[in-house]
Protein backbone atom coordinates (compact mmCIF):
# COMPACT_ATOMS: atom_id res chain seq x y z
CA MET A 1 0.00 0.00 0.00
CA VAL A 2 1.24 3.46 -0.82
CA ALA A 3 -0.06 6.64 0.82
CA SER A 4 1.00 10.28 0.56
CA LEU A 5 2.11 12.42 3.49
CA THR A 6 3.26 16.03 3.33
CA SER A 7 5.75 17.57 5.75
CA GLY A 8 5.91 21.35 5.50
CA LYS A 9 6.15 22.85 2.05
CA ALA A 10 9.31 21.27 0.71
CA GLN A 11 8.95 17.47 0.91
CA VAL A 12 6.23 14.92 0.08
CA TYR A 13 6.50 11.37 1.44
CA GLN A 14 4.88 8.04 0.52
CA MET A 15 4.19 5.27 3.01
CA VAL A 16 5.24 1.84 1.79
CA VAL A 17 3.86 -1.24 3.55
CA HIS A 18 6.00 -4.37 3.35
CA VAL A 19 4.14 -7.67 3.86
CA ASN A 20 5.63 -10.91 5.15
CA ASN A 21 5.90 -12.57 1.76
CA GLY A 22 8.42 -9.92 0.71
CA THR A 23 6.18 -7.98 -1.63
CA GLU A 24 5.35 -4.29 -1.40
CA MET A 25 1.73 -3.27 -1.59
CA GLY A 26 1.39 -0.21 -3.72
CA PHE A 27 -2.07 0.63 -4.89
CA PRO A 28 -2.59 4.31 -4.03
CA ASP A 29 -5.93 4.47 -5.76
CA SER A 30 -7.34 1.29 -4.20
CA LYS A 31 -8.63 0.35 -0.80
CA ILE A 32 -7.20 -2.91 0.54
CA VAL A 33 -7.12 -4.57 3.90
CA ILE A 34 -3.90 -6.14 5.22
CA PRO A 35 -3.94 -8.13 8.45
CA VAL A 36 -1.61 -6.59 10.98
CA ASP A 37 0.19 -9.90 11.48
CA ASN A 38 1.17 -9.90 7.83
CA ILE A 39 2.91 -6.47 8.00
CA SER A 40 6.66 -6.83 8.40
CA GLU A 41 7.70 -3.16 8.03
CA VAL A 42 6.38 0.30 7.30
CA THR A 43 8.71 2.86 5.70
CA PHE A 44 8.37 6.42 4.47
CA GLU A 45 10.11 7.36 1.27
CA GLU A 46 10.51 10.93 0.05
CA ILE A 47 8.94 11.62 -3.33
CA ASN A 48 8.63 14.73 -5.50
CA LYS A 49 11.54 16.33 -3.64
CA GLN A 50 11.58 20.05 -4.27
CA PRO A 51 14.89 21.70 -5.20
CA GLN A 52 16.46 23.89 -2.54
CA GLU A 53 15.72 27.56 -2.76
CA GLU A 54 18.13 29.25 -5.17
CA SER A 55 20.91 31.19 -3.43
CA ILE A 56 20.59 34.94 -3.89
CA PRO A 57 23.80 36.89 -4.52
CA ILE A 58 24.38 40.09 -2.55
CA SER A 59 24.41 43.02 -4.96
CA PHE A 60 24.91 46.74 -4.39
CA LEU A 61 23.75 50.15 -5.56
CA PHE A 62 25.62 53.25 -4.36
CA LYS A 63 24.18 56.71 -4.79
CA GLU A 64 24.53 60.23 -3.43
CA TYR A 65 22.74 61.04 -0.20
CA THR A 66 19.96 63.54 -0.94
CA GLY A 67 19.57 64.87 2.59
CA THR A 68 21.11 67.96 4.17
CA THR A 69 24.82 67.18 3.81
CA ARG A 70 26.92 69.03 1.29
CA SER A 71 26.58 68.15 -2.37
CA PRO A 72 27.83 67.40 -4.95
CA MET A 73 30.80 65.27 -4.01
CA ARG A 74 34.08 67.10 -4.19
CA ARG A 75 35.95 64.45 -6.07
CA SER A 76 33.34 63.87 -8.74
CA SER A 77 29.61 64.17 -9.20
CA ALA A 78 29.63 60.57 -10.46
CA MET A 79 29.43 57.86 -7.82
CA GLU A 80 30.84 55.46 -10.40
CA ASP A 81 34.28 57.06 -10.07
CA ARG A 82 34.58 55.70 -6.55
CA SER A 83 35.55 52.35 -5.09
CA PHE A 84 33.90 51.35 -1.80
CA GLY A 85 34.95 49.11 1.05
CA VAL A 86 32.05 47.16 2.58
CA PHE A 87 31.65 45.52 5.98
CA SER A 88 28.59 43.45 6.79
CA CYS A 89 27.25 41.34 9.62
CA TYR A 90 24.49 38.81 10.09
CA ASN A 91 23.13 38.51 13.61
CA ASN A 92 20.85 35.49 13.08
CA GLY A 93 17.86 37.15 14.69
CA GLU A 94 19.72 39.01 17.43
CA PRO A 95 19.07 42.77 17.74
CA LEU A 96 21.86 44.84 16.16
CA GLY A 97 23.83 46.91 18.66
CA GLN A 98 27.36 47.86 19.66
CA GLU A 99 27.65 44.76 21.83
CA THR A 100 26.24 42.30 19.30
CA LEU A 101 27.76 43.90 16.19
CA SER A 102 30.43 41.69 14.67
CA VAL A 103 31.71 41.71 11.10
CA ASN A 104 31.09 38.17 9.87
CA LEU A 105 29.63 38.38 6.37
CA MET A 106 31.90 40.83 4.53
CA ASN A 107 35.13 42.30 5.86
CA ASN A 108 36.40 45.30 3.88
CA GLN A 109 35.14 43.87 0.59
CA GLU A 110 36.03 46.17 -2.30
CA VAL A 111 33.09 47.03 -4.58
CA ALA A 112 33.73 48.99 -7.79
CA PHE A 113 31.71 50.11 -10.81
CA VAL A 114 32.72 47.96 -13.79
CA ASP A 115 30.98 47.63 -17.15
CA GLY A 116 27.87 49.44 -15.98
CA LYS A 117 27.40 47.52 -12.72
CA TRP A 118 28.69 47.52 -9.15
CA LYS A 119 30.81 44.38 -8.91
CA TYR A 120 33.06 42.53 -6.51
CA LEU A 121 34.80 39.17 -6.26
CA PRO A 122 34.35 36.62 -4.91
CA ILE A 123 30.57 36.92 -4.98
CA LYS A 124 28.89 36.37 -1.64
CA TYR A 125 25.35 35.12 -1.08
CA TRP A 126 22.63 36.00 1.36
CA PRO A 127 22.36 33.67 4.35
CA GLU A 128 19.32 31.43 3.85
CA LYS A 129 17.79 32.68 7.09
CA ALA A 130 18.25 36.38 6.20
CA GLN A 131 14.54 37.02 5.93
CA GLY A 132 11.68 37.97 8.20
CA ASP A 133 13.23 39.20 11.45
CA ASN A 134 16.66 37.75 10.62
CA TYR A 135 18.44 40.82 9.31
CA ALA A 136 21.82 41.57 7.82
CA SER A 137 23.48 45.00 8.03
CA PHE A 138 25.98 46.66 5.68
CA PHE A 139 28.48 49.49 6.21
CA ALA A 140 30.46 51.15 3.41
CA TYR A 141 33.12 53.82 3.01
CA SER A 142 35.24 55.41 0.27
CA PRO A 143 38.06 55.89 -0.72
CA TYR A 144 38.77 52.19 -0.39
CA ALA A 145 41.76 51.09 1.69
CA ASN A 146 43.42 47.84 0.67
CA ASP A 147 45.67 45.70 2.82
CA THR A 148 48.68 47.88 2.07
CA GLU A 149 46.85 50.94 3.47
CA SER A 150 46.06 54.01 1.38
CA SER A 151 47.57 57.38 2.21
CA PHE A 152 44.25 58.55 3.70
CA VAL A 153 42.33 55.58 5.07
CA SER A 154 43.19 52.34 6.81
CA VAL A 155 41.06 49.61 8.36
CA LYS A 156 41.51 49.04 12.08
CA SER A 157 42.73 45.48 11.83
CA ASP A 158 42.35 44.56 15.51
CA SER A 159 38.65 45.37 15.59
CA ASP A 160 35.68 43.24 14.60
CA LYS A 161 33.62 46.41 14.24
CA PRO A 162 33.22 48.47 11.03
CA LEU A 163 35.89 50.95 12.11
CA ILE A 164 38.29 52.89 9.91
CA GLU A 165 41.21 55.20 10.64
CA TYR A 166 41.60 58.43 8.70
CA LYS A 167 44.61 60.71 8.26
CA LEU A 168 44.28 64.25 6.95
CA VAL A 169 47.30 63.95 4.66
CA ASP A 170 46.38 66.88 2.41
CA PRO A 171 43.23 68.89 3.23
CA MET A 172 43.09 70.25 -0.32
CA ASN A 173 43.34 66.89 -2.08
CA ASP A 174 39.95 65.83 -3.42
CA ALA A 175 40.91 62.15 -3.32
CA GLY A 176 40.72 62.27 0.46
CA ASP A 177 37.02 63.19 0.54
CA LEU A 178 35.80 60.51 2.94
CA VAL A 179 32.23 59.33 2.35
CA TYR A 180 30.26 56.58 4.04
CA GLY A 181 26.81 54.97 4.20
CA ASN A 182 25.01 52.03 5.69
CA GLN A 183 21.97 49.82 5.32
CA ILE A 184 20.96 48.42 8.70
CA ASN A 185 18.54 45.53 9.25
CA THR A 186 17.72 44.48 5.72
CA THR A 187 16.93 41.10 4.19
CA LYS A 188 17.30 39.27 0.90
CA ASP A 189 13.60 39.88 0.25
CA VAL A 190 14.22 43.63 -0.22
CA ASP A 191 14.88 44.69 -3.84
CA ASN A 192 15.77 41.13 -4.85
CA GLY A 193 18.76 41.13 -2.53
CA CYS A 194 20.19 44.45 -3.75
CA VAL A 195 21.64 46.61 -0.97
CA THR A 196 21.17 50.34 -1.64
CA ILE A 197 23.61 52.63 0.17
CA GLU A 198 23.41 56.42 0.13
CA ALA A 199 26.84 58.00 0.59
CA LYS A 200 27.24 60.88 3.03
CA HIS A 201 30.26 63.09 3.69
CA ALA A 202 32.18 62.41 6.91
CA LEU A 203 34.40 65.50 6.69
CA ALA A 204 33.61 69.20 7.02
CA GLN A 205 34.35 71.51 4.09
CA LEU A 206 35.84 74.95 4.75
CA MET A 207 36.17 77.61 2.10
CA LEU A 208 38.46 80.55 2.92
CA ASN A 209 37.60 83.77 1.10
CA VAL A 210 39.43 87.08 1.23
CA ALA A 211 38.49 90.66 0.31
CA LEU A 212 39.76 94.19 0.94
CA LYS A 213 38.08 96.22 3.63
CA GLU A 214 38.58 99.40 1.57
CA ASN A 215 39.53 100.04 -2.02
CA LEU A 216 43.17 100.56 -3.00
CA ASP A 217 44.72 103.28 -5.10
CA ALA A 218 44.84 102.37 -8.76
CA ASN A 219 48.64 102.02 -8.65
CA LYS A 220 48.60 99.29 -5.98
CA LYS A 221 47.88 95.56 -5.92
CA VAL A 222 47.67 93.14 -3.02
CA THR A 223 48.74 89.56 -3.78
CA ILE A 224 49.06 86.54 -1.50
CA LYS A 225 52.18 84.48 -0.90
CA SER A 226 50.64 81.95 1.51
CA VAL A 227 47.83 81.30 3.98
CA THR A 228 48.31 79.04 7.00
CA ILE A 229 45.49 77.52 9.04
CA SER A 230 46.35 75.98 12.40
CA GLY A 231 44.94 75.37 15.86
CA GLN A 232 42.74 72.82 17.62
CA MET A 233 41.98 70.66 14.61
CA PRO A 234 42.77 66.92 14.73
CA TYR A 235 45.22 65.53 12.22
CA SER A 236 43.67 62.05 12.35
CA GLY A 237 40.91 60.06 13.98
CA GLN A 238 38.78 56.93 13.84
CA PHE A 239 35.35 56.86 12.25
CA ASP A 240 32.74 54.38 13.46
CA LEU A 241 30.60 53.39 10.48
CA TYR A 242 27.87 52.01 12.75
CA SER A 243 27.40 55.03 15.05
CA GLU A 244 28.44 57.46 12.28
CA GLN A 245 30.66 59.24 14.81
CA TRP A 246 34.28 60.34 14.96
CA ILE A 247 36.12 58.81 17.92
CA ASN A 248 39.68 58.65 19.28
CA TYR A 249 41.03 61.88 17.83
CA SER A 250 44.79 62.29 17.56
CA ASP A 251 46.59 64.61 19.96
CA GLU A 252 48.53 66.09 17.06
CA SER A 253 46.92 69.26 15.71
CA LEU A 254 46.75 70.13 12.06
CA SER A 255 48.77 72.97 10.56
CA TYR A 256 48.35 73.47 6.83
CA THR A 257 49.73 76.08 4.46
CA ILE A 258 48.09 77.03 1.19
CA ASP A 259 50.75 78.31 -1.22
CA GLY A 260 52.12 77.94 -4.72
CA ASP A 261 49.79 76.25 -7.18
CA ASN A 262 47.21 75.65 -4.44
CA LEU A 263 46.50 79.37 -4.31
CA SER A 264 43.87 80.83 -6.62
CA PRO A 265 45.63 82.20 -9.72
CA ASP A 266 43.85 85.57 -9.33
CA LEU A 267 45.47 86.03 -5.90
CA ARG A 268 48.82 84.24 -6.23
CA ASP A 269 51.80 86.57 -5.88
CA ALA A 270 54.03 86.56 -8.97
CA GLY A 271 57.21 87.46 -7.11
CA GLU A 272 59.58 90.37 -7.73
CA THR A 273 57.98 91.89 -10.78
CA ALA A 274 56.12 95.00 -11.89
CA ILE A 275 52.48 95.56 -11.06
CA THR A 276 51.52 94.87 -14.67
CA ASN A 277 52.82 91.31 -14.27
CA GLN A 278 50.90 90.66 -11.07
CA PRO A 279 47.44 89.07 -11.08
CA GLU A 280 44.34 91.06 -10.19
CA GLY A 281 44.96 90.33 -6.52
CA VAL A 282 42.71 90.99 -3.55
CA THR A 283 39.82 93.38 -4.28
CA LEU A 284 36.59 94.48 -2.65
CA ASP A 285 34.97 91.37 -4.09
CA SER A 286 35.35 88.24 -1.97
CA LYS A 287 37.43 85.54 -3.69
CA PRO A 288 38.40 81.98 -2.73
CA ILE A 289 41.95 81.78 -1.44
CA GLY A 290 42.60 78.21 -2.54
CA ILE A 291 41.88 76.32 -5.73
CA ASN A 292 39.77 73.91 -3.63
CA PRO A 293 38.03 74.14 -0.26
CA LEU A 294 39.74 72.53 2.72
CA LEU A 295 38.54 69.12 3.91
CA LEU A 296 38.77 68.92 7.71
CA ILE A 297 37.98 66.35 10.40
CA PRO A 298 34.93 67.62 12.34
CA THR A 299 35.68 69.10 15.74
CA ASP A 300 34.37 67.83 19.05
CA GLY A 301 32.70 71.04 20.23
CA GLN A 302 33.96 74.61 19.77
CA LYS A 303 37.65 74.95 18.88
CA GLU A 304 40.10 77.76 18.21
CA ILE A 305 41.76 78.03 14.82
CA SER A 306 44.19 80.65 13.56
CA ILE A 307 44.44 82.05 10.06
CA THR A 308 47.73 83.68 9.02
CA ILE A 309 47.99 85.49 5.69
CA ASP A 310 51.39 86.31 4.20
CA TYR A 311 50.94 88.89 1.43
CA TYR A 312 52.61 91.64 -0.62
CA THR A 313 51.52 95.09 -1.68
CA THR A 314 53.07 96.00 -5.02
CA THR A 315 53.06 99.71 -5.98
CA ASP A 316 53.71 101.19 -9.40
CA THR A 317 56.65 103.55 -8.71
CA PRO A 318 58.12 105.10 -11.90
CA SER A 319 60.74 107.04 -9.89
CA LEU A 320 62.50 103.79 -8.96
CA SER A 321 64.82 102.02 -11.38
CA ALA A 322 62.74 98.83 -11.17
CA GLY A 323 59.55 100.80 -11.74
CA TYR A 324 57.82 99.35 -8.67
CA SER A 325 58.14 98.88 -4.90
CA ARG A 326 57.08 95.98 -2.67
CA LEU A 327 55.81 95.87 0.91
CA HIS A 328 55.62 92.58 2.77
CA ASN A 329 52.94 92.09 5.46
CA THR A 330 51.64 89.28 7.66
CA ILE A 331 48.36 89.28 9.55
CA SER A 332 46.95 86.64 11.87
CA LYS A 333 43.57 86.22 13.50
CA THR A 334 41.99 83.60 15.77
CA TYR A 335 38.45 82.29 15.33
CA ASN A 336 36.17 80.04 17.40
CA VAL A 337 34.57 77.44 15.18
CA ILE A 338 32.43 74.32 15.32
CA LEU A 339 32.87 72.02 12.34
CA LYS A 340 30.30 69.29 11.67
CA GLY A 341 30.64 66.45 9.21
CA GLY A 342 28.87 66.88 5.89
CA MET A 343 28.52 70.65 6.27
CA ILE A 344 29.97 73.46 4.14
CA TYR A 345 31.49 76.49 5.88
CA THR A 346 32.73 79.75 4.36
CA MET A 347 35.05 82.08 6.26
CA ARG A 348 35.36 85.60 4.84
CA ILE A 349 38.55 87.43 5.81
CA GLN A 350 38.96 91.16 5.29
CA LEU A 351 42.33 92.83 4.80
CA ASP A 352 42.58 96.33 6.28
CA THR A 353 44.12 98.64 3.69
CA THR A 354 44.54 101.67 5.95
CA SER A 355 48.23 100.86 6.51
CA MET A 356 49.01 100.15 2.88
């Protein structure tokens, strides 16, 4: 005799009755009576076995955060120009928190845009239980740091948390524009297993502008040799991708000088030469001092920073053999600032011309 028995959704079983004469009774559409004494064994055999659920690869989509942080990205308006490092964890139903967070699914996996898609190797698949209340979480950052450590970013190797270390090597270098994003508590059932991450800016952006307080005589120009920013600004720190907070700042303070080709061409002093060979220089109109804004690690509360401007006043002086004269000046001023990640700040500095 053969009968059907279902167990859950995946398997279907048949009951096979073995009689004492060694035959198997298998008439599923018939009703028969077998004396109990004649039954030697009853077995269940799986039939119509369903294939296991197909494994779903973890895929990614990175895009610009459309909230209140600064935009567009400094380095490029195209997300596709970036390479991301991804950490992920699967808590098997446990609530995600600082104590339970442990990187166990992806550990600094590089994901890059290749041939029109975000790709990485080797491909990883969603855990079979990553559905319902069994969530996985993903944390990403860029620029990507490989095992040899980039000049800006490194992965804290002794931590099982999504933690990176950042060094402010060159505040004017666009390649150091640190961005991050996360997708917490998601499952393979969302967007066919595609993890969407919106990238935010972790650094503050500071634009230094300069203008004259009063107009100059027509035979004078003010040009800049260098601008130095220094004070209570950390040179490096750790960024927690889970809490989205800067932690463990360095004791070393940043001091950075904008000079040479990093100065705006309209302001850059041309050296010992006549006024006709100097650029337009500082005017009543506010102009950016540098060719790019400064990228700075956000401060923990209000901090003091100092701005020092080293500049020249060139005067057209026909009575001199060179035809011009030069006056060198340096001014310095201290400001109290609060810098928050993802925000744009503009500092307008006025040069007093009364002594020129």
